[in-house]
Amino acid sequence: MALVGALLTMVIPFSLELFAMNRLRALPFALISALDPTLASAVGVFDLHQFFQR
């Protein structure tokens, strides 16, 4: 069951990126891809209340 979960967490985002890459032009796709870590950090801080430690 863990193997299925691990595969799904890799396959679903990858397939969504391929779908977006085919539908978007290069610049918007690159911008969204570049801002992805920033969005993940914001969700971690504001929604999950996780903070960076020094």
N, C-alpha and C. Protein backbone atom coordinates (compact mmCIF):
# COMPACT_ATOMS: atom_id res chain seq x y z
N MET A 1 0.82 -1.20 0.00
CA MET A 1 0.00 0.00 0.00
C MET A 1 0.87 1.27 0.00
N ALA A 2 2.00 1.21 0.72
CA ALA A 2 2.90 2.36 0.75
C ALA A 2 3.51 2.62 -0.63
N LEU A 3 3.78 1.55 -1.34
CA LEU A 3 4.35 1.71 -2.68
C LEU A 3 3.36 2.40 -3.62
N VAL A 4 2.10 2.06 -3.51
CA VAL A 4 1.07 2.71 -4.33
C VAL A 4 0.98 4.20 -3.98
N GLY A 5 1.01 4.51 -2.70
CA GLY A 5 0.97 5.91 -2.28
C GLY A 5 2.18 6.69 -2.78
N ALA A 6 3.36 6.06 -2.70
CA ALA A 6 4.57 6.73 -3.18
C ALA A 6 4.52 6.95 -4.68
N LEU A 7 4.03 5.99 -5.42
CA LEU A 7 3.94 6.15 -6.87
C LEU A 7 2.93 7.22 -7.25
N LEU A 8 1.81 7.26 -6.55
CA LEU A 8 0.80 8.27 -6.87
C LEU A 8 1.28 9.69 -6.56
N THR A 9 2.07 9.84 -5.50
CA THR A 9 2.57 11.18 -5.19
C THR A 9 3.60 11.64 -6.20
N MET A 10 4.15 10.73 -6.97
CA MET A 10 5.07 11.13 -8.04
C MET A 10 4.36 11.25 -9.38
N VAL A 11 3.42 10.37 -9.65
CA VAL A 11 2.78 10.33 -10.97
C VAL A 11 1.79 11.47 -11.16
N ILE A 12 1.02 11.78 -10.16
CA ILE A 12 -0.02 12.82 -10.32
C ILE A 12 0.60 14.20 -10.59
N PRO A 13 1.56 14.68 -9.78
CA PRO A 13 2.15 15.99 -10.12
C PRO A 13 2.87 16.01 -11.46
N PHE A 14 3.56 14.91 -11.78
CA PHE A 14 4.28 14.86 -13.05
C PHE A 14 3.31 14.92 -14.23
N SER A 15 2.21 14.20 -14.14
CA SER A 15 1.24 14.23 -15.24
C SER A 15 0.57 15.60 -15.34
N LEU A 16 0.34 16.26 -14.21
CA LEU A 16 -0.23 17.61 -14.27
C LEU A 16 0.74 18.60 -14.89
N GLU A 17 2.04 18.45 -14.60
CA GLU A 17 3.02 19.32 -15.22
C GLU A 17 3.10 19.09 -16.72
N LEU A 18 3.04 17.85 -17.15
CA LEU A 18 3.05 17.57 -18.59
C LEU A 18 1.82 18.14 -19.27
N PHE A 19 0.68 18.04 -18.62
CA PHE A 19 -0.55 18.61 -19.16
C PHE A 19 -0.43 20.13 -19.28
N ALA A 20 0.11 20.77 -18.24
CA ALA A 20 0.27 22.23 -18.27
C ALA A 20 1.30 22.65 -19.30
N MET A 21 2.36 21.85 -19.45
CA MET A 21 3.40 22.20 -20.41
C MET A 21 2.85 22.19 -21.84
N ASN A 22 1.93 21.30 -22.11
CA ASN A 22 1.34 21.25 -23.45
C ASN A 22 0.32 22.36 -23.68
N ARG A 23 -0.30 22.84 -22.62
CA ARG A 23 -1.36 23.83 -22.78
C ARG A 23 -0.87 25.27 -22.68
N LEU A 24 0.20 25.52 -21.92
CA LEU A 24 0.70 26.87 -21.71
C LEU A 24 1.86 27.18 -22.64
N ARG A 25 2.09 28.47 -22.84
CA ARG A 25 3.29 28.89 -23.55
C ARG A 25 4.49 28.75 -22.62
N ALA A 26 5.68 28.95 -23.13
CA ALA A 26 6.90 28.71 -22.36
C ALA A 26 7.05 29.67 -21.18
N LEU A 27 6.78 30.95 -21.39
CA LEU A 27 6.99 31.93 -20.33
C LEU A 27 6.06 31.72 -19.13
N PRO A 28 4.75 31.58 -19.32
CA PRO A 28 3.90 31.33 -18.14
C PRO A 28 4.23 30.02 -17.43
N PHE A 29 4.58 28.99 -18.18
CA PHE A 29 4.94 27.73 -17.54
C PHE A 29 6.22 27.88 -16.73
N ALA A 30 7.20 28.59 -17.26
CA ALA A 30 8.45 28.80 -16.54
C ALA A 30 8.22 29.64 -15.28
N LEU A 31 7.36 30.62 -15.37
CA LEU A 31 7.06 31.47 -14.21
C LEU A 31 6.37 30.67 -13.12
N ILE A 32 5.39 29.86 -13.50
CA ILE A 32 4.69 29.03 -12.52
C ILE A 32 5.64 28.02 -11.90
N SER A 33 6.50 27.43 -12.71
CA SER A 33 7.46 26.46 -12.19
C SER A 33 8.45 27.12 -11.24
N ALA A 34 8.85 28.34 -11.52
CA ALA A 34 9.80 29.04 -10.67
C ALA A 34 9.16 29.46 -9.35
N LEU A 35 7.88 29.76 -9.36
CA LEU A 35 7.20 30.21 -8.14
C LEU A 35 6.66 29.05 -7.30
N ASP A 36 6.79 27.85 -7.77
CA ASP A 36 6.28 26.67 -7.06
C ASP A 36 6.89 26.51 -5.66
N PRO A 37 8.21 26.63 -5.47
CA PRO A 37 8.75 26.52 -4.11
C PRO A 37 8.27 27.64 -3.18
N THR A 38 8.07 28.83 -3.74
CA THR A 38 7.57 29.94 -2.93
C THR A 38 6.17 29.67 -2.44
N LEU A 39 5.33 29.13 -3.30
CA LEU A 39 3.97 28.80 -2.90
C LEU A 39 3.96 27.69 -1.85
N ALA A 40 4.84 26.70 -2.01
CA ALA A 40 4.93 25.63 -1.02
C ALA A 40 5.38 26.17 0.34
N SER A 41 6.31 27.11 0.35
CA SER A 41 6.76 27.72 1.61
C SER A 41 5.64 28.53 2.26
N ALA A 42 4.90 29.26 1.45
CA ALA A 42 3.80 30.06 2.00
C ALA A 42 2.72 29.18 2.59
N VAL A 43 2.40 28.08 1.95
CA VAL A 43 1.40 27.14 2.50
C VAL A 43 1.91 26.55 3.81
N GLY A 44 3.20 26.21 3.86
CA GLY A 44 3.76 25.67 5.08
C GLY A 44 3.71 26.65 6.24
N VAL A 45 3.99 27.91 5.98
CA VAL A 45 4.00 28.91 7.05
C VAL A 45 2.59 29.29 7.47
N PHE A 46 1.73 29.62 6.52
CA PHE A 46 0.43 30.18 6.86
C PHE A 46 -0.63 29.12 7.17
N ASP A 47 -0.60 28.02 6.50
CA ASP A 47 -1.64 27.01 6.69
C ASP A 47 -1.23 25.93 7.69
N LEU A 48 0.02 25.49 7.62
CA LEU A 48 0.48 24.40 8.48
C LEU A 48 1.23 24.90 9.71
N HIS A 49 1.47 26.19 9.79
CA HIS A 49 2.18 26.81 10.92
C HIS A 49 3.55 26.20 11.15
N GLN A 50 4.28 25.97 10.06
CA GLN A 50 5.65 25.49 10.12
C GLN A 50 6.57 26.65 9.79
N PHE A 51 7.61 26.81 10.58
CA PHE A 51 8.53 27.95 10.40
C PHE A 51 9.94 27.45 10.20
N PHE A 52 10.74 28.25 9.51
CA PHE A 52 12.14 27.93 9.28
C PHE A 52 12.92 28.17 10.57
N GLN A 53 13.84 27.29 10.88
CA GLN A 53 14.68 27.47 12.06
C GLN A 53 16.07 27.91 11.62
N ARG A 54 16.71 28.70 12.46
CA ARG A 54 18.08 29.14 12.16
C ARG A 54 19.07 28.22 12.78
